[in-house]
Amino acid sequence: MRQVPRDLLQAILDAASRGGSSDFDLNRNVVLPPNRPLREAAVLVPVIETDRGFQLILTKRASHLKHHPGQIAFPGGKRDAEDDTLVTTALREAQEEIGLLRDNVEVLGQIPPHETVTGFTMTPVLGLVRAEFVPNPEQGEVAEVFRVPLAHVLDIERYQVQSRSWRGVERNYYTVPFGPYYIWGATARVLRRMADGLNNAH
């Protein structure tokens, strides 16, 4: 494996760690209650080096799920009582959802939490996948596991702001489409923070 661009990954982490984000970032007219209850969750942002360059591993959620059905997402989920840290949550969920063994991930750092419209405070954990693996999608949870070139999601020019009605209110959000995959919502917002971090570092 070639030398990992630690300066690039560290720049992303440093800049993205300057503050949290929210599904409501592009909707300044939304006033959130200060003491709203939020459930803890964590996701793994898995990056792997291939002969085609660095790629990001993502999932397409099953269409029948209660939260974010059919959407593109990082592997992850809510924190269980036995999880000692949110890093543990992210690694456990990635192993359960896509068959990525914990020992095959080098944790590079955490990005501050992202608040979702479904009431979660979601902590992204950036991880480098040490070696190739065969994805094993969790039946009933994950419809597909696929990869996107890291360069694609780090390119600010790829992003668009779109909108749709949510609970009777027009909601704006980022999208970063890739082929047949419509990446939007919380996933696109976290990736946009990473892209902004890289752009600000140069």
N, C-alpha and C. Protein backbone atom coordinates (compact mmCIF):
# COMPACT_ATOMS: atom_id res chain seq x y z
N MET A 1 0.85 -1.20 0.00
CA MET A 1 0.00 0.00 0.00
C MET A 1 0.88 1.24 0.00
N ARG A 2 0.54 2.20 -0.84
CA ARG A 2 1.29 3.44 -0.88
C ARG A 2 1.06 4.24 0.39
N GLN A 3 1.93 5.22 0.62
CA GLN A 3 1.80 6.07 1.79
C GLN A 3 0.44 6.77 1.81
N VAL A 4 -0.28 6.64 2.92
CA VAL A 4 -1.58 7.28 3.06
C VAL A 4 -1.39 8.80 3.16
N PRO A 5 -2.19 9.58 2.46
CA PRO A 5 -2.04 11.04 2.53
C PRO A 5 -2.54 11.56 3.87
N ARG A 6 -1.74 11.38 4.90
CA ARG A 6 -2.15 11.77 6.25
C ARG A 6 -2.45 13.27 6.34
N ASP A 7 -1.70 14.06 5.59
CA ASP A 7 -1.93 15.50 5.65
C ASP A 7 -3.32 15.85 5.13
N LEU A 8 -3.76 15.16 4.06
CA LEU A 8 -5.09 15.41 3.51
C LEU A 8 -6.17 14.97 4.50
N LEU A 9 -6.03 13.77 5.04
CA LEU A 9 -7.03 13.27 5.97
C LEU A 9 -7.06 14.11 7.24
N GLN A 10 -5.89 14.53 7.71
CA GLN A 10 -5.83 15.34 8.92
C GLN A 10 -6.43 16.72 8.68
N ALA A 11 -6.20 17.26 7.48
CA ALA A 11 -6.79 18.56 7.15
C ALA A 11 -8.31 18.48 7.15
N ILE A 12 -8.84 17.40 6.62
CA ILE A 12 -10.29 17.19 6.61
C ILE A 12 -10.82 17.14 8.03
N LEU A 13 -10.15 16.35 8.88
CA LEU A 13 -10.58 16.21 10.26
C LEU A 13 -10.51 17.53 11.01
N ASP A 14 -9.39 18.23 10.86
CA ASP A 14 -9.19 19.48 11.60
C ASP A 14 -10.25 20.52 11.26
N ALA A 15 -10.49 20.71 9.97
CA ALA A 15 -11.44 21.73 9.55
C ALA A 15 -12.88 21.32 9.84
N ALA A 16 -13.18 20.04 9.63
CA ALA A 16 -14.54 19.57 9.88
C ALA A 16 -14.86 19.56 11.36
N SER A 17 -13.83 19.58 12.20
CA SER A 17 -14.03 19.49 13.64
C SER A 17 -14.23 20.86 14.30
N ARG A 18 -14.38 21.90 13.51
CA ARG A 18 -14.54 23.23 14.08
C ARG A 18 -15.96 23.50 14.56
N GLY A 19 -16.86 22.59 14.32
CA GLY A 19 -18.23 22.76 14.78
C GLY A 19 -19.14 21.69 14.23
N GLY A 20 -20.26 21.45 14.90
CA GLY A 20 -21.18 20.44 14.46
C GLY A 20 -22.02 20.91 13.29
N SER A 21 -22.88 20.02 12.82
CA SER A 21 -23.77 20.37 11.71
C SER A 21 -25.15 19.80 12.01
N SER A 22 -26.08 20.09 11.13
CA SER A 22 -27.46 19.71 11.36
C SER A 22 -28.19 19.57 10.03
N ASP A 23 -29.23 18.76 10.02
CA ASP A 23 -30.09 18.68 8.85
C ASP A 23 -30.82 20.00 8.60
N PHE A 24 -30.77 20.90 9.58
CA PHE A 24 -31.48 22.17 9.47
C PHE A 24 -30.54 23.32 9.08
N ASP A 25 -29.28 23.02 8.76
CA ASP A 25 -28.29 24.06 8.46
C ASP A 25 -28.72 25.02 7.37
N LEU A 26 -29.38 24.51 6.36
CA LEU A 26 -29.77 25.33 5.21
C LEU A 26 -31.19 25.88 5.35
N ASN A 27 -31.73 25.78 6.56
CA ASN A 27 -33.10 26.23 6.82
C ASN A 27 -33.09 27.13 8.05
N ARG A 28 -32.61 28.33 7.86
CA ARG A 28 -32.40 29.25 8.98
C ARG A 28 -33.68 29.68 9.67
N ASN A 29 -34.83 29.47 9.02
CA ASN A 29 -36.09 29.86 9.64
C ASN A 29 -36.59 28.84 10.66
N VAL A 30 -35.91 27.70 10.74
CA VAL A 30 -36.30 26.66 11.70
C VAL A 30 -35.72 26.99 13.06
N VAL A 31 -36.57 27.02 14.08
CA VAL A 31 -36.13 27.26 15.46
C VAL A 31 -36.27 25.96 16.23
N LEU A 32 -35.14 25.42 16.69
CA LEU A 32 -35.13 24.15 17.40
C LEU A 32 -35.23 24.37 18.90
N PRO A 33 -36.05 23.59 19.60
CA PRO A 33 -36.15 23.72 21.06
C PRO A 33 -34.79 23.45 21.71
N PRO A 34 -34.37 24.26 22.67
CA PRO A 34 -33.04 24.12 23.27
C PRO A 34 -32.84 22.82 24.05
N ASN A 35 -33.90 22.26 24.61
CA ASN A 35 -33.77 21.05 25.43
C ASN A 35 -34.39 19.82 24.77
N ARG A 36 -34.36 19.80 23.45
CA ARG A 36 -34.97 18.69 22.73
C ARG A 36 -34.18 17.39 23.01
N PRO A 37 -34.88 16.28 23.19
CA PRO A 37 -34.18 15.01 23.44
C PRO A 37 -33.57 14.46 22.17
N LEU A 38 -32.30 14.07 22.22
CA LEU A 38 -31.61 13.51 21.07
C LEU A 38 -30.99 12.17 21.47
N ARG A 39 -31.12 11.20 20.59
CA ARG A 39 -30.53 9.88 20.85
C ARG A 39 -29.16 9.79 20.18
N GLU A 40 -28.20 9.18 20.88
CA GLU A 40 -26.84 9.08 20.35
C GLU A 40 -26.73 8.00 19.28
N ALA A 41 -25.99 8.32 18.24
CA ALA A 41 -25.70 7.37 17.17
C ALA A 41 -24.31 7.66 16.64
N ALA A 42 -23.75 6.72 15.92
CA ALA A 42 -22.43 6.91 15.30
C ALA A 42 -22.40 6.18 13.97
N VAL A 43 -21.62 6.73 13.05
CA VAL A 43 -21.44 6.10 11.74
C VAL A 43 -19.96 6.03 11.42
N LEU A 44 -19.59 5.04 10.64
CA LEU A 44 -18.22 4.94 10.16
C LEU A 44 -18.15 5.55 8.77
N VAL A 45 -17.14 6.40 8.57
CA VAL A 45 -16.86 6.96 7.24
C VAL A 45 -15.65 6.19 6.72
N PRO A 46 -15.87 5.04 6.07
CA PRO A 46 -14.76 4.14 5.71
C PRO A 46 -14.14 4.49 4.36
N VAL A 47 -12.84 4.73 4.38
CA VAL A 47 -12.09 5.04 3.18
C VAL A 47 -11.11 3.90 2.92
N ILE A 48 -11.01 3.46 1.67
CA ILE A 48 -10.10 2.37 1.32
C ILE A 48 -9.28 2.77 0.10
N GLU A 49 -8.01 2.38 0.10
CA GLU A 49 -7.16 2.65 -1.06
C GLU A 49 -7.23 1.49 -2.03
N THR A 50 -7.47 1.82 -3.31
CA THR A 50 -7.55 0.80 -4.35
C THR A 50 -6.64 1.20 -5.50
N ASP A 51 -6.57 0.35 -6.52
CA ASP A 51 -5.75 0.70 -7.69
C ASP A 51 -6.37 1.83 -8.49
N ARG A 52 -7.59 2.23 -8.14
CA ARG A 52 -8.24 3.37 -8.78
C ARG A 52 -8.25 4.60 -7.87
N GLY A 53 -7.45 4.54 -6.82
CA GLY A 53 -7.39 5.65 -5.88
C GLY A 53 -8.21 5.39 -4.63
N PHE A 54 -8.31 6.39 -3.78
CA PHE A 54 -9.07 6.24 -2.54
C PHE A 54 -10.56 6.29 -2.83
N GLN A 55 -11.29 5.39 -2.17
CA GLN A 55 -12.73 5.31 -2.36
C GLN A 55 -13.45 5.30 -1.02
N LEU A 56 -14.66 5.81 -1.03
CA LEU A 56 -15.52 5.84 0.14
C LEU A 56 -16.55 4.72 0.02
N ILE A 57 -16.73 3.99 1.10
CA ILE A 57 -17.70 2.88 1.11
C ILE A 57 -19.01 3.37 1.71
N LEU A 58 -20.09 3.20 0.98
CA LEU A 58 -21.41 3.63 1.43
C LEU A 58 -22.42 2.50 1.30
N THR A 59 -23.58 2.68 1.90
CA THR A 59 -24.65 1.69 1.81
C THR A 59 -25.92 2.32 1.28
N LYS A 60 -26.76 1.49 0.72
CA LYS A 60 -28.13 1.89 0.40
C LYS A 60 -29.03 1.15 1.36
N ARG A 61 -29.78 1.88 2.17
CA ARG A 61 -30.61 1.28 3.19
C ARG A 61 -31.83 0.57 2.58
N ALA A 62 -32.29 -0.45 3.26
CA ALA A 62 -33.47 -1.19 2.80
C ALA A 62 -34.69 -0.27 2.78
N SER A 63 -35.58 -0.52 1.85
CA SER A 63 -36.71 0.39 1.62
C SER A 63 -37.80 0.33 2.69
N HIS A 64 -37.78 -0.72 3.53
CA HIS A 64 -38.85 -0.86 4.52
C HIS A 64 -38.48 -0.31 5.90
N LEU A 65 -37.26 0.20 6.07
CA LEU A 65 -36.81 0.66 7.38
C LEU A 65 -37.59 1.87 7.86
N LYS A 66 -37.70 2.02 9.18
CA LYS A 66 -38.45 3.13 9.77
C LYS A 66 -37.75 4.46 9.54
N HIS A 67 -36.42 4.47 9.74
CA HIS A 67 -35.66 5.70 9.60
C HIS A 67 -34.87 5.70 8.28
N HIS A 68 -35.06 6.73 7.48
CA HIS A 68 -34.32 6.95 6.23
C HIS A 68 -34.37 5.74 5.29
N PRO A 69 -35.55 5.21 4.99
CA PRO A 69 -35.66 4.06 4.09
C PRO A 69 -35.15 4.36 2.69
N GLY A 70 -34.37 3.45 2.12
CA GLY A 70 -33.89 3.57 0.76
C GLY A 70 -32.83 4.62 0.53
N GLN A 71 -32.41 5.29 1.58
CA GLN A 71 -31.44 6.37 1.41
C GLN A 71 -30.00 5.84 1.41
N ILE A 72 -29.12 6.67 0.87
CA ILE A 72 -27.69 6.36 0.90
C ILE A 72 -27.15 6.79 2.26
N ALA A 73 -26.38 5.91 2.89
CA ALA A 73 -25.93 6.18 4.26
C ALA A 73 -24.55 5.59 4.52
N PHE A 74 -23.89 6.13 5.53
CA PHE A 74 -22.71 5.48 6.08
C PHE A 74 -23.16 4.28 6.90
N PRO A 75 -22.34 3.23 7.01
CA PRO A 75 -22.69 2.16 7.94
C PRO A 75 -22.67 2.71 9.36
N GLY A 76 -23.72 2.44 10.11
CA GLY A 76 -23.79 2.96 11.47
C GLY A 76 -25.17 2.81 12.06
N GLY A 77 -25.34 3.32 13.27
CA GLY A 77 -26.63 3.21 13.94
C GLY A 77 -26.57 3.76 15.34
N LYS A 78 -27.63 3.50 16.10
CA LYS A 78 -27.73 4.07 17.44
C LYS A 78 -26.78 3.37 18.41
N ARG A 79 -26.38 4.12 19.42
CA ARG A 79 -25.46 3.61 20.43
C ARG A 79 -26.20 2.65 21.35
N ASP A 80 -25.63 1.45 21.56
CA ASP A 80 -26.18 0.48 22.49
C ASP A 80 -25.63 0.71 23.88
N ALA A 81 -26.33 0.21 24.88
CA ALA A 81 -25.91 0.42 26.26
C ALA A 81 -24.53 -0.15 26.54
N GLU A 82 -24.16 -1.23 25.85
CA GLU A 82 -22.87 -1.86 26.10
C GLU A 82 -21.71 -1.21 25.35
N ASP A 83 -21.99 -0.25 24.48
CA ASP A 83 -20.93 0.44 23.74
C ASP A 83 -20.23 1.43 24.66
N ASP A 84 -18.92 1.22 24.91
CA ASP A 84 -18.21 2.12 25.82
C ASP A 84 -17.94 3.48 25.20
N THR A 85 -17.82 3.55 23.88
CA THR A 85 -17.61 4.82 23.19
C THR A 85 -18.41 4.82 21.89
N LEU A 86 -18.50 6.00 21.28
CA LEU A 86 -19.18 6.10 19.99
C LEU A 86 -18.34 5.49 18.88
N VAL A 87 -17.02 5.44 19.07
CA VAL A 87 -16.16 4.72 18.11
C VAL A 87 -16.52 3.24 18.11
N THR A 88 -16.76 2.70 19.30
CA THR A 88 -17.19 1.31 19.41
C THR A 88 -18.49 1.09 18.65
N THR A 89 -19.41 2.03 18.80
CA THR A 89 -20.70 1.94 18.09
C THR A 89 -20.49 1.89 16.58
N ALA A 90 -19.67 2.81 16.07
CA ALA A 90 -19.44 2.89 14.62
C ALA A 90 -18.81 1.60 14.10
N LEU A 91 -17.81 1.08 14.80
CA LEU A 91 -17.13 -0.13 14.35
C LEU A 91 -18.05 -1.34 14.45
N ARG A 92 -18.82 -1.44 15.53
CA ARG A 92 -19.76 -2.56 15.69
C ARG A 92 -20.80 -2.55 14.59
N GLU A 93 -21.37 -1.38 14.32
CA GLU A 93 -22.41 -1.29 13.30
C GLU A 93 -21.86 -1.61 11.91
N ALA A 94 -20.63 -1.15 11.62
CA ALA A 94 -20.04 -1.44 10.31
C ALA A 94 -19.82 -2.93 10.13
N GLN A 95 -19.42 -3.60 11.21
CA GLN A 95 -19.23 -5.04 11.12
C GLN A 95 -20.56 -5.75 10.91
N GLU A 96 -21.59 -5.30 11.61
CA GLU A 96 -22.91 -5.92 11.49
C GLU A 96 -23.56 -5.64 10.14
N GLU A 97 -23.40 -4.42 9.66
CA GLU A 97 -24.13 -4.01 8.45
C GLU A 97 -23.46 -4.41 7.15
N ILE A 98 -22.12 -4.35 7.11
CA ILE A 98 -21.45 -4.64 5.82
C ILE A 98 -20.35 -5.69 5.94
N GLY A 99 -20.17 -6.28 7.13
CA GLY A 99 -19.17 -7.32 7.29
C GLY A 99 -17.74 -6.81 7.34
N LEU A 100 -17.55 -5.55 7.70
CA LEU A 100 -16.21 -4.97 7.81
C LEU A 100 -15.71 -5.20 9.23
N LEU A 101 -14.71 -6.07 9.38
CA LEU A 101 -14.21 -6.42 10.70
C LEU A 101 -13.52 -5.24 11.37
N ARG A 102 -13.71 -5.12 12.68
CA ARG A 102 -13.15 -3.99 13.43
C ARG A 102 -11.63 -3.91 13.29
N ASP A 103 -10.98 -5.09 13.31
CA ASP A 103 -9.52 -5.11 13.22
C ASP A 103 -9.01 -4.65 11.87
N ASN A 104 -9.91 -4.54 10.90
CA ASN A 104 -9.52 -4.12 9.56
C ASN A 104 -9.70 -2.62 9.36
N VAL A 105 -9.95 -1.90 10.44
CA VAL A 105 -10.17 -0.45 10.36
C VAL A 105 -9.20 0.28 11.28
N GLU A 106 -8.48 1.23 10.72
CA GLU A 106 -7.66 2.14 11.52
C GLU A 106 -8.46 3.42 11.72
N VAL A 107 -8.83 3.68 12.97
CA VAL A 107 -9.62 4.88 13.28
C VAL A 107 -8.71 6.10 13.22
N LEU A 108 -9.08 7.07 12.39
CA LEU A 108 -8.28 8.28 12.21
C LEU A 108 -8.75 9.43 13.07
N GLY A 109 -10.02 9.44 13.43
CA GLY A 109 -10.54 10.50 14.28
C GLY A 109 -12.05 10.65 14.15
N GLN A 110 -12.60 11.51 14.98
CA GLN A 110 -14.03 11.77 14.99
C GLN A 110 -14.33 13.18 14.49
N ILE A 111 -15.48 13.31 13.85
CA ILE A 111 -16.01 14.60 13.43
C ILE A 111 -17.14 14.94 14.39
N PRO A 112 -17.30 16.20 14.79
CA PRO A 112 -18.38 16.56 15.71
C PRO A 112 -19.74 16.07 15.22
N PRO A 113 -20.67 15.86 16.15
CA PRO A 113 -21.96 15.27 15.81
C PRO A 113 -22.78 16.08 14.81
N HIS A 114 -23.62 15.35 14.10
CA HIS A 114 -24.57 15.93 13.17
C HIS A 114 -25.97 15.60 13.68
N GLU A 115 -26.83 16.61 13.81
CA GLU A 115 -28.19 16.39 14.28
C GLU A 115 -29.10 16.09 13.09
N THR A 116 -29.85 15.00 13.19
CA THR A 116 -30.75 14.61 12.10
C THR A 116 -32.19 15.01 12.41
N VAL A 117 -32.99 15.08 11.36
CA VAL A 117 -34.40 15.45 11.54
C VAL A 117 -35.17 14.37 12.31
N THR A 118 -34.60 13.18 12.40
CA THR A 118 -35.27 12.09 13.11
C THR A 118 -34.87 12.03 14.58
N GLY A 119 -34.15 13.05 15.08
CA GLY A 119 -33.89 13.14 16.50
C GLY A 119 -32.65 12.42 16.99
N PHE A 120 -31.67 12.22 16.11
CA PHE A 120 -30.41 11.60 16.51
C PHE A 120 -29.28 12.63 16.49
N THR A 121 -28.33 12.47 17.39
CA THR A 121 -27.08 13.19 17.29
C THR A 121 -26.04 12.17 16.84
N MET A 122 -25.64 12.29 15.59
CA MET A 122 -24.86 11.27 14.89
C MET A 122 -23.39 11.69 14.79
N THR A 123 -22.50 10.89 15.37
CA THR A 123 -21.07 11.19 15.34
C THR A 123 -20.39 10.40 14.23
N PRO A 124 -19.82 11.08 13.22
CA PRO A 124 -19.08 10.38 12.17
C PRO A 124 -17.65 10.05 12.64
N VAL A 125 -17.22 8.83 12.35
CA VAL A 125 -15.88 8.37 12.70
C VAL A 125 -15.14 8.05 11.40
N LEU A 126 -14.08 8.79 11.12
CA LEU A 126 -13.31 8.57 9.90
C LEU A 126 -12.35 7.41 10.10
N GLY A 127 -12.43 6.41 9.22
CA GLY A 127 -11.60 5.23 9.36
C GLY A 127 -10.99 4.79 8.05
N LEU A 128 -9.76 4.31 8.11
CA LEU A 128 -9.06 3.80 6.94
C LEU A 128 -9.14 2.28 6.96
N VAL A 129 -9.70 1.71 5.91
CA VAL A 129 -9.80 0.25 5.80
C VAL A 129 -8.43 -0.28 5.40
N ARG A 130 -7.87 -1.18 6.22
CA ARG A 130 -6.49 -1.63 6.04
C ARG A 130 -6.32 -2.53 4.81
N ALA A 131 -7.30 -3.40 4.56
CA ALA A 131 -7.16 -4.37 3.46
C ALA A 131 -8.51 -4.61 2.81
N GLU A 132 -8.47 -5.08 1.56
CA GLU A 132 -9.70 -5.40 0.84
C GLU A 132 -10.52 -6.43 1.60
N PHE A 133 -11.83 -6.36 1.43
CA PHE A 133 -12.73 -7.32 2.06
C PHE A 133 -13.94 -7.51 1.16
N VAL A 134 -14.65 -8.59 1.39
CA VAL A 134 -15.87 -8.85 0.62
C VAL A 134 -17.06 -8.40 1.46
N PRO A 135 -17.79 -7.38 1.04
CA PRO A 135 -18.93 -6.89 1.82
C PRO A 135 -19.99 -7.98 2.01
N ASN A 136 -20.58 -7.99 3.19
CA ASN A 136 -21.64 -8.92 3.52
C ASN A 136 -22.81 -8.10 4.06
N PRO A 137 -23.67 -7.57 3.17
CA PRO A 137 -24.76 -6.69 3.61
C PRO A 137 -25.69 -7.39 4.61
N GLU A 138 -26.05 -6.68 5.66
CA GLU A 138 -26.96 -7.23 6.66
C GLU A 138 -28.35 -7.39 6.06
N GLN A 139 -28.83 -8.61 6.05
CA GLN A 139 -30.12 -8.90 5.44
C GLN A 139 -31.24 -8.15 6.15
N GLY A 140 -32.07 -7.48 5.39
CA GLY A 140 -33.18 -6.74 5.96
C GLY A 140 -32.85 -5.32 6.34
N GLU A 141 -31.56 -4.99 6.39
CA GLU A 141 -31.14 -3.64 6.78
C GLU A 141 -30.48 -2.90 5.61
N VAL A 142 -29.60 -3.62 4.90
CA VAL A 142 -28.79 -3.00 3.85
C VAL A 142 -29.14 -3.63 2.51
N ALA A 143 -29.58 -2.80 1.57
CA ALA A 143 -29.93 -3.30 0.25
C ALA A 143 -28.71 -3.44 -0.64
N GLU A 144 -27.69 -2.58 -0.42
CA GLU A 144 -26.52 -2.58 -1.31
C GLU A 144 -25.35 -1.91 -0.62
N VAL A 145 -24.14 -2.40 -0.94
CA VAL A 145 -22.90 -1.75 -0.51
C VAL A 145 -22.16 -1.34 -1.78
N PHE A 146 -21.73 -0.09 -1.86
CA PHE A 146 -21.05 0.38 -3.06
C PHE A 146 -19.96 1.37 -2.69
N ARG A 147 -19.19 1.78 -3.69
CA ARG A 147 -18.08 2.71 -3.45
C ARG A 147 -18.18 3.93 -4.36
N VAL A 148 -17.67 5.02 -3.83
CA VAL A 148 -17.62 6.29 -4.55
C VAL A 148 -16.19 6.81 -4.48
N PRO A 149 -15.63 7.30 -5.56
CA PRO A 149 -14.28 7.89 -5.47
C PRO A 149 -14.25 9.00 -4.42
N LEU A 150 -13.28 8.95 -3.53
CA LEU A 150 -13.18 9.97 -2.49
C LEU A 150 -13.07 11.37 -3.11
N ALA A 151 -12.36 11.45 -4.24
CA ALA A 151 -12.20 12.74 -4.92
C ALA A 151 -13.55 13.33 -5.34
N HIS A 152 -14.50 12.47 -5.64
CA HIS A 152 -15.82 12.93 -6.08
C HIS A 152 -16.53 13.69 -4.96
N VAL A 153 -16.55 13.10 -3.77
CA VAL A 153 -17.28 13.73 -2.66
C VAL A 153 -16.49 14.84 -2.00
N LEU A 154 -15.20 14.98 -2.33
CA LEU A 154 -14.41 16.08 -1.79
C LEU A 154 -14.37 17.28 -2.73
N ASP A 155 -15.08 17.17 -3.85
CA ASP A 155 -15.13 18.24 -4.84
C ASP A 155 -16.39 19.08 -4.61
N ILE A 156 -16.21 20.30 -4.11
CA ILE A 156 -17.34 21.15 -3.78
C ILE A 156 -18.23 21.41 -5.00
N GLU A 157 -17.64 21.42 -6.18
CA GLU A 157 -18.40 21.69 -7.40
C GLU A 157 -19.44 20.60 -7.69
N ARG A 158 -19.30 19.47 -7.07
CA ARG A 158 -20.25 18.36 -7.30
C ARG A 158 -21.54 18.53 -6.51
N TYR A 159 -21.54 19.44 -5.55
CA TYR A 159 -22.68 19.58 -4.64
C TYR A 159 -23.73 20.53 -5.19
N GLN A 160 -24.98 20.22 -4.87
CA GLN A 160 -26.10 21.09 -5.20
C GLN A 160 -26.97 21.24 -3.96
N VAL A 161 -27.72 22.33 -3.91
CA VAL A 161 -28.73 22.50 -2.86
C VAL A 161 -30.09 22.29 -3.49
N GLN A 162 -30.84 21.34 -2.98
CA GLN A 162 -32.18 21.07 -3.47
C GLN A 162 -33.17 21.16 -2.31
N SER A 163 -34.43 20.98 -2.59
CA SER A 163 -35.44 21.11 -1.53
C SER A 163 -36.61 20.17 -1.78
N ARG A 164 -37.31 19.89 -0.71
CA ARG A 164 -38.55 19.11 -0.77
C ARG A 164 -39.39 19.43 0.46
N SER A 165 -40.65 19.10 0.40
CA SER A 165 -41.53 19.36 1.53
C SER A 165 -41.36 18.26 2.57
N TRP A 166 -41.18 18.66 3.81
CA TRP A 166 -41.05 17.71 4.92
C TRP A 166 -41.92 18.18 6.06
N ARG A 167 -42.93 17.38 6.40
CA ARG A 167 -43.90 17.73 7.45
C ARG A 167 -44.53 19.10 7.19
N GLY A 168 -44.83 19.34 5.93
CA GLY A 168 -45.50 20.56 5.56
C GLY A 168 -44.62 21.78 5.43
N VAL A 169 -43.31 21.60 5.59
CA VAL A 169 -42.37 22.72 5.51
C VAL A 169 -41.35 22.43 4.41
N GLU A 170 -41.01 23.46 3.64
CA GLU A 170 -40.00 23.30 2.60
C GLU A 170 -38.63 23.18 3.25
N ARG A 171 -37.92 22.10 2.96
CA ARG A 171 -36.61 21.86 3.58
C ARG A 171 -35.53 21.81 2.52
N ASN A 172 -34.47 22.58 2.72
CA ASN A 172 -33.31 22.59 1.82
C ASN A 172 -32.26 21.62 2.32
N TYR A 173 -31.51 21.03 1.40
CA TYR A 173 -30.48 20.06 1.78
C TYR A 173 -29.46 19.94 0.66
N TYR A 174 -28.27 19.44 1.03
CA TYR A 174 -27.22 19.19 0.04
C TYR A 174 -27.44 17.85 -0.66
N THR A 175 -27.02 17.80 -1.92
CA THR A 175 -26.95 16.54 -2.65
C THR A 175 -25.59 16.47 -3.33
N VAL A 176 -25.09 15.24 -3.50
CA VAL A 176 -23.86 15.03 -4.27
C VAL A 176 -24.04 13.73 -5.05
N PRO A 177 -24.79 13.78 -6.15
CA PRO A 177 -25.13 12.57 -6.91
C PRO A 177 -23.88 11.88 -7.46
N PHE A 178 -23.98 10.55 -7.57
CA PHE A 178 -22.91 9.77 -8.18
C PHE A 178 -23.55 8.62 -8.96
N GLY A 179 -23.51 8.71 -10.29
CA GLY A 179 -24.13 7.66 -11.10
C GLY A 179 -25.59 7.49 -10.72
N PRO A 180 -26.02 6.25 -10.45
CA PRO A 180 -27.42 6.03 -10.09
C PRO A 180 -27.73 6.34 -8.63
N TYR A 181 -26.73 6.77 -7.87
CA TYR A 181 -26.91 6.96 -6.43
C TYR A 181 -27.17 8.42 -6.10
N TYR A 182 -28.29 8.65 -5.44
CA TYR A 182 -28.69 10.00 -5.04
C TYR A 182 -28.29 10.19 -3.58
N ILE A 183 -27.13 10.79 -3.38
CA ILE A 183 -26.60 10.98 -2.03
C ILE A 183 -27.08 12.34 -1.53
N TRP A 184 -27.82 12.35 -0.43
CA TRP A 184 -28.40 13.59 0.06
C TRP A 184 -28.58 13.52 1.58
N GLY A 185 -29.19 14.56 2.14
CA GLY A 185 -29.51 14.56 3.56
C GLY A 185 -28.28 14.57 4.45
N ALA A 186 -28.37 13.84 5.56
CA ALA A 186 -27.30 13.84 6.55
C ALA A 186 -25.98 13.35 5.97
N THR A 187 -26.03 12.34 5.11
CA THR A 187 -24.81 11.80 4.50
C THR A 187 -24.11 12.87 3.66
N ALA A 188 -24.87 13.54 2.81
CA ALA A 188 -24.29 14.59 1.98
C ALA A 188 -23.80 15.77 2.82
N ARG A 189 -24.50 16.06 3.92
CA ARG A 189 -24.09 17.20 4.77
C ARG A 189 -22.74 16.91 5.43
N VAL A 190 -22.55 15.70 5.93
CA VAL A 190 -21.27 15.34 6.54
C VAL A 190 -20.16 15.37 5.50
N LEU A 191 -20.43 14.83 4.32
CA LEU A 191 -19.43 14.84 3.25
C LEU A 191 -19.10 16.26 2.82
N ARG A 192 -20.10 17.13 2.81
CA ARG A 192 -19.85 18.52 2.45
C ARG A 192 -18.93 19.18 3.48
N ARG A 193 -19.10 18.85 4.74
CA ARG A 193 -18.20 19.38 5.77
C ARG A 193 -16.77 18.93 5.52
N MET A 194 -16.61 17.68 5.11
CA MET A 194 -15.28 17.18 4.79
C MET A 194 -14.70 17.90 3.58
N ALA A 195 -15.54 18.13 2.57
CA ALA A 195 -15.09 18.83 1.37
C ALA A 195 -14.71 20.27 1.71
N ASP A 196 -15.52 20.91 2.53
CA ASP A 196 -15.21 22.27 2.96
C ASP A 196 -13.88 22.31 3.72
N GLY A 197 -13.66 21.28 4.56
CA GLY A 197 -12.42 21.22 5.32
C GLY A 197 -11.20 21.14 4.44
N LEU A 198 -11.29 20.32 3.41
CA LEU A 198 -10.15 20.19 2.48
C LEU A 198 -9.95 21.48 1.70
N ASN A 199 -11.06 22.08 1.26
CA ASN A 199 -10.97 23.31 0.48
C ASN A 199 -10.37 24.45 1.31
N ASN A 200 -10.75 24.53 2.58
CA ASN A 200 -10.26 25.60 3.45
C ASN A 200 -8.79 25.39 3.83
N ALA A 201 -8.34 24.14 3.71
CA ALA A 201 -6.96 23.84 4.10
C ALA A 201 -5.97 24.22 3.00
N HIS A 202 -6.48 24.50 1.80
CA HIS A 202 -5.60 24.81 0.66
C HIS A 202 -5.59 26.31 0.38
